[in-house]
Amino acid sequence: MKISTPEAQGIPSKALERFVDKLKEQKLPVHSILMARHGHMIMEAYYQPYDKEKLH
């Protein structure tokens, strides 16, 4: 998959920051976030103890 900035795909980076902040506020057990738009990866984040290489 192609990689792009959020802005290049029509999404403000600040909107993604607010999304992640809301997840943290709600204390949801998120292991990872992968977000794509128009065939481009615009966000990839992993949270301990998980990472890109650790399947579960």
PDB file of N, CA and C in Angstrom:
ATOM      1  N   MET A   1       0.850  -1.177   0.000  1.00  0.00           N
ATOM      2  CA  MET A   1       0.000   0.000   0.000  1.00  0.00           C
ATOM      3  C   MET A   1       0.892   1.235   0.000  1.00  0.00           C
ATOM      4  N   LYS A   2       0.485   2.226  -0.730  1.00  0.00           N
ATOM      5  CA  LYS A   2       1.218   3.489  -0.766  1.00  0.00           C
ATOM      6  C   LYS A   2       1.072   4.210   0.566  1.00  0.00           C
ATOM      7  N   ILE A   3       2.059   5.001   0.914  1.00  0.00           N
ATOM      8  CA  ILE A   3       2.033   5.788   2.145  1.00  0.00           C
ATOM      9  C   ILE A   3       1.911   7.257   1.773  1.00  0.00           C
ATOM     10  N   SER A   4       1.096   7.975   2.538  1.00  0.00           N
ATOM     11  CA  SER A   4       0.846   9.388   2.249  1.00  0.00           C
ATOM     12  C   SER A   4       0.629  10.147   3.550  1.00  0.00           C
ATOM     13  N   THR A   5       0.723  11.447   3.465  1.00  0.00           N
ATOM     14  CA  THR A   5       0.354  12.270   4.618  1.00  0.00           C
ATOM     15  C   THR A   5      -1.169  12.359   4.677  1.00  0.00           C
ATOM     16  N   PRO A   6      -1.712  12.551   5.860  1.00  0.00           N
ATOM     17  CA  PRO A   6      -3.162  12.730   5.956  1.00  0.00           C
ATOM     18  C   PRO A   6      -3.646  13.910   5.111  1.00  0.00           C
ATOM     19  N   GLU A   7      -2.908  15.001   5.157  1.00  0.00           N
ATOM     20  CA  GLU A   7      -3.318  16.206   4.422  1.00  0.00           C
ATOM     21  C   GLU A   7      -3.413  15.953   2.919  1.00  0.00           C
ATOM     22  N   ALA A   8      -2.490  15.181   2.382  1.00  0.00           N
ATOM     23  CA  ALA A   8      -2.505  14.893   0.945  1.00  0.00           C
ATOM     24  C   ALA A   8      -3.742  14.092   0.546  1.00  0.00           C
ATOM     25  N   GLN A   9      -4.368  13.440   1.541  1.00  0.00           N
ATOM     26  CA  GLN A   9      -5.569  12.657   1.272  1.00  0.00           C
ATOM     27  C   GLN A   9      -6.828  13.339   1.816  1.00  0.00           C
ATOM     28  N   GLY A  10      -6.693  14.612   2.176  1.00  0.00           N
ATOM     29  CA  GLY A  10      -7.859  15.397   2.575  1.00  0.00           C
ATOM     30  C   GLY A  10      -8.263  15.306   4.032  1.00  0.00           C
ATOM     31  N   ILE A  11      -7.346  14.853   4.894  1.00  0.00           N
ATOM     32  CA  ILE A  11      -7.649  14.743   6.323  1.00  0.00           C
ATOM     33  C   ILE A  11      -6.597  15.529   7.105  1.00  0.00           C
ATOM     34  N   PRO A  12      -7.017  16.460   7.953  1.00  0.00           N
ATOM     35  CA  PRO A  12      -6.047  17.209   8.764  1.00  0.00           C
ATOM     36  C   PRO A  12      -5.384  16.302   9.818  1.00  0.00           C
ATOM     37  N   SER A  13      -4.083  16.431   9.975  1.00  0.00           N
ATOM     38  CA  SER A  13      -3.373  15.662  11.002  1.00  0.00           C
ATOM     39  C   SER A  13      -3.953  15.915  12.385  1.00  0.00           C
ATOM     40  N   LYS A  14      -4.388  17.136  12.632  1.00  0.00           N
ATOM     41  CA  LYS A  14      -4.981  17.471  13.940  1.00  0.00           C
ATOM     42  C   LYS A  14      -6.217  16.620  14.215  1.00  0.00           C
ATOM     43  N   ALA A  15      -6.966  16.266  13.180  1.00  0.00           N
ATOM     44  CA  ALA A  15      -8.150  15.416  13.361  1.00  0.00           C
ATOM     45  C   ALA A  15      -7.733  14.024  13.832  1.00  0.00           C
ATOM     46  N   LEU A  16      -6.641  13.515  13.300  1.00  0.00           N
ATOM     47  CA  LEU A  16      -6.149  12.209  13.739  1.00  0.00           C
ATOM     48  C   LEU A  16      -5.630  12.289  15.169  1.00  0.00           C
ATOM     49  N   GLU A  17      -4.975  13.385  15.506  1.00  0.00           N
ATOM     50  CA  GLU A  17      -4.507  13.576  16.885  1.00  0.00           C
ATOM     51  C   GLU A  17      -5.688  13.590  17.853  1.00  0.00           C
ATOM     52  N   ARG A  18      -6.755  14.287  17.494  1.00  0.00           N
ATOM     53  CA  ARG A  18      -7.950  14.327  18.351  1.00  0.00           C
ATOM     54  C   ARG A  18      -8.569  12.938  18.481  1.00  0.00           C
ATOM     55  N   PHE A  19      -8.585  12.177  17.396  1.00  0.00           N
ATOM     56  CA  PHE A  19      -9.104  10.810  17.414  1.00  0.00           C
ATOM     57  C   PHE A  19      -8.325   9.960  18.421  1.00  0.00           C
ATOM     58  N   VAL A  20      -7.001  10.015  18.360  1.00  0.00           N
ATOM     59  CA  VAL A  20      -6.163   9.242  19.279  1.00  0.00           C
ATOM     60  C   VAL A  20      -6.366   9.722  20.713  1.00  0.00           C
ATOM     61  N   ASP A  21      -6.467  11.019  20.927  1.00  0.00           N
ATOM     62  CA  ASP A  21      -6.715  11.560  22.266  1.00  0.00           C
ATOM     63  C   ASP A  21      -8.028  11.033  22.835  1.00  0.00           C
ATOM     64  N   LYS A  22      -9.068  10.966  22.015  1.00  0.00           N
ATOM     65  CA  LYS A  22     -10.372  10.457  22.475  1.00  0.00           C
ATOM     66  C   LYS A  22     -10.268   8.986  22.858  1.00  0.00           C
ATOM     67  N   LEU A  23      -9.522   8.207  22.085  1.00  0.00           N
ATOM     68  CA  LEU A  23      -9.330   6.800  22.439  1.00  0.00           C
ATOM     69  C   LEU A  23      -8.650   6.677  23.797  1.00  0.00           C
ATOM     70  N   LYS A  24      -7.630   7.506  24.029  1.00  0.00           N
ATOM     71  CA  LYS A  24      -6.917   7.479  25.310  1.00  0.00           C
ATOM     72  C   LYS A  24      -7.829   7.894  26.456  1.00  0.00           C
ATOM     73  N   GLU A  25      -8.635   8.941  26.235  1.00  0.00           N
ATOM     74  CA  GLU A  25      -9.563   9.416  27.271  1.00  0.00           C
ATOM     75  C   GLU A  25     -10.536   8.322  27.684  1.00  0.00           C
ATOM     76  N   GLN A  26     -10.984   7.545  26.720  1.00  0.00           N
ATOM     77  CA  GLN A  26     -11.962   6.492  26.992  1.00  0.00           C
ATOM     78  C   GLN A  26     -11.312   5.208  27.497  1.00  0.00           C
ATOM     79  N   LYS A  27      -9.977   5.212  27.543  1.00  0.00           N
ATOM     80  CA  LYS A  27      -9.206   4.068  28.038  1.00  0.00           C
ATOM     81  C   LYS A  27      -9.594   2.771  27.332  1.00  0.00           C
ATOM     82  N   LEU A  28      -9.750   2.875  26.021  1.00  0.00           N
ATOM     83  CA  LEU A  28     -10.071   1.697  25.225  1.00  0.00           C
ATOM     84  C   LEU A  28      -8.812   0.849  25.031  1.00  0.00           C
ATOM     85  N   PRO A  29      -8.951  -0.474  25.043  1.00  0.00           N
ATOM     86  CA  PRO A  29      -7.783  -1.351  24.905  1.00  0.00           C
ATOM     87  C   PRO A  29      -7.337  -1.481  23.441  1.00  0.00           C
ATOM     88  N   VAL A  30      -6.796  -0.413  22.904  1.00  0.00           N
ATOM     89  CA  VAL A  30      -6.374  -0.394  21.504  1.00  0.00           C
ATOM     90  C   VAL A  30      -4.959  -0.965  21.395  1.00  0.00           C
ATOM     91  N   HIS A  31      -4.783  -1.910  20.482  1.00  0.00           N
ATOM     92  CA  HIS A  31      -3.469  -2.510  20.249  1.00  0.00           C
ATOM     93  C   HIS A  31      -2.749  -1.809  19.107  1.00  0.00           C
ATOM     94  N   SER A  32      -3.520  -1.420  18.094  1.00  0.00           N
ATOM     95  CA  SER A  32      -2.920  -0.742  16.946  1.00  0.00           C
ATOM     96  C   SER A  32      -3.993   0.025  16.182  1.00  0.00           C
ATOM     97  N   ILE A  33      -3.529   0.974  15.385  1.00  0.00           N
ATOM     98  CA  ILE A  33      -4.418   1.740  14.512  1.00  0.00           C
ATOM     99  C   ILE A  33      -3.760   1.795  13.139  1.00  0.00           C
ATOM    100  N   LEU A  34      -4.485   1.368  12.144  1.00  0.00           N
ATOM    101  CA  LEU A  34      -4.060   1.500  10.753  1.00  0.00           C
ATOM    102  C   LEU A  34      -5.193   2.222  10.052  1.00  0.00           C
ATOM    103  N   MET A  35      -4.875   3.319   9.404  1.00  0.00           N
ATOM    104  CA  MET A  35      -5.914   4.095   8.737  1.00  0.00           C
ATOM    105  C   MET A  35      -5.480   4.372   7.302  1.00  0.00           C
ATOM    106  N   ALA A  36      -6.390   4.082   6.379  1.00  0.00           N
ATOM    107  CA  ALA A  36      -6.108   4.309   4.959  1.00  0.00           C
ATOM    108  C   ALA A  36      -7.220   5.150   4.345  1.00  0.00           C
ATOM    109  N   ARG A  37      -6.841   5.880   3.308  1.00  0.00           N
ATOM    110  CA  ARG A  37      -7.815   6.671   2.552  1.00  0.00           C
ATOM    111  C   ARG A  37      -7.347   6.725   1.097  1.00  0.00           C
ATOM    112  N   HIS A  38      -8.277   6.466   0.203  1.00  0.00           N
ATOM    113  CA  HIS A  38      -7.968   6.491  -1.232  1.00  0.00           C
ATOM    114  C   HIS A  38      -6.784   5.582  -1.580  1.00  0.00           C
ATOM    115  N   GLY A  39      -6.676   4.438  -0.903  1.00  0.00           N
ATOM    116  CA  GLY A  39      -5.607   3.492  -1.200  1.00  0.00           C
ATOM    117  C   GLY A  39      -4.238   3.864  -0.665  1.00  0.00           C
ATOM    118  N   HIS A  40      -4.187   4.835   0.237  1.00  0.00           N
ATOM    119  CA  HIS A  40      -2.925   5.285   0.842  1.00  0.00           C
ATOM    120  C   HIS A  40      -3.007   5.134   2.360  1.00  0.00           C
ATOM    121  N   MET A  41      -1.953   4.583   2.953  1.00  0.00           N
ATOM    122  CA  MET A  41      -1.860   4.516   4.407  1.00  0.00           C
ATOM    123  C   MET A  41      -1.552   5.919   4.917  1.00  0.00           C
ATOM    124  N   ILE A  42      -2.411   6.423   5.811  1.00  0.00           N
ATOM    125  CA  ILE A  42      -2.192   7.770   6.345  1.00  0.00           C
ATOM    126  C   ILE A  42      -1.862   7.761   7.833  1.00  0.00           C
ATOM    127  N   MET A  43      -2.045   6.600   8.476  1.00  0.00           N
ATOM    128  CA  MET A  43      -1.710   6.500   9.897  1.00  0.00           C
ATOM    129  C   MET A  43      -1.423   5.049  10.233  1.00  0.00           C
ATOM    130  N   GLU A  44      -0.342   4.833  10.976  1.00  0.00           N
ATOM    131  CA  GLU A  44       0.015   3.511  11.464  1.00  0.00           C
ATOM    132  C   GLU A  44       0.605   3.705  12.854  1.00  0.00           C
ATOM    133  N   ALA A  45      -0.054   3.151  13.860  1.00  0.00           N
ATOM    134  CA  ALA A  45       0.396   3.325  15.242  1.00  0.00           C
ATOM    135  C   ALA A  45       0.216   2.015  16.001  1.00  0.00           C
ATOM    136  N   TYR A  46       1.167   1.707  16.877  1.00  0.00           N
ATOM    137  CA  TYR A  46       1.120   0.500  17.691  1.00  0.00           C
ATOM    138  C   TYR A  46       1.341   0.900  19.142  1.00  0.00           C
ATOM    139  N   TYR A  47       0.703   0.170  20.042  1.00  0.00           N
ATOM    140  CA  TYR A  47       0.771   0.493  21.464  1.00  0.00           C
ATOM    141  C   TYR A  47       1.309  -0.704  22.233  1.00  0.00           C
ATOM    142  N   GLN A  48       2.178  -0.431  23.193  1.00  0.00           N
ATOM    143  CA  GLN A  48       2.839  -1.463  23.989  1.00  0.00           C
ATOM    144  C   GLN A  48       1.816  -2.386  24.635  1.00  0.00           C
ATOM    145  N   PRO A  49       2.108  -3.646  24.681  1.00  0.00           N
ATOM    146  CA  PRO A  49       3.362  -4.303  24.316  1.00  0.00           C
ATOM    147  C   PRO A  49       3.406  -4.758  22.852  1.00  0.00           C
ATOM    148  N   TYR A  50       2.512  -4.281  22.033  1.00  0.00           N
ATOM    149  CA  TYR A  50       2.431  -4.721  20.640  1.00  0.00           C
ATOM    150  C   TYR A  50       3.246  -3.821  19.722  1.00  0.00           C
ATOM    151  N   ASP A  51       3.662  -4.400  18.610  1.00  0.00           N
ATOM    152  CA  ASP A  51       4.327  -3.620  17.575  1.00  0.00           C
ATOM    153  C   ASP A  51       4.046  -4.255  16.220  1.00  0.00           C
ATOM    154  N   LYS A  52       4.591  -3.674  15.197  1.00  0.00           N
ATOM    155  CA  LYS A  52       4.326  -4.114  13.825  1.00  0.00           C
ATOM    156  C   LYS A  52       4.718  -5.577  13.606  1.00  0.00           C
ATOM    157  N   GLU A  53       5.736  -6.028  14.295  1.00  0.00           N
ATOM    158  CA  GLU A  53       6.255  -7.385  14.101  1.00  0.00           C
ATOM    159  C   GLU A  53       5.602  -8.417  15.016  1.00  0.00           C
ATOM    160  N   LYS A  54       4.889  -7.989  16.037  1.00  0.00           N
ATOM    161  CA  LYS A  54       4.341  -8.911  17.032  1.00  0.00           C
ATOM    162  C   LYS A  54       2.878  -9.216  16.722  1.00  0.00           C
ATOM    163  N   LEU A  55       2.630 -10.406  16.208  1.00  0.00           N
ATOM    164  CA  LEU A  55       1.258 -10.828  15.938  1.00  0.00           C
ATOM    165  C   LEU A  55       0.618 -11.350  17.220  1.00  0.00           C
ATOM    166  N   HIS A  56      -0.689 -11.185  17.318  1.00  0.00           N
ATOM    167  CA  HIS A  56      -1.400 -11.700  18.493  1.00  0.00           C
ATOM    168  C   HIS A  56      -2.836 -12.002  18.149  1.00  0.00           C
TER     169      HIS A  56
END
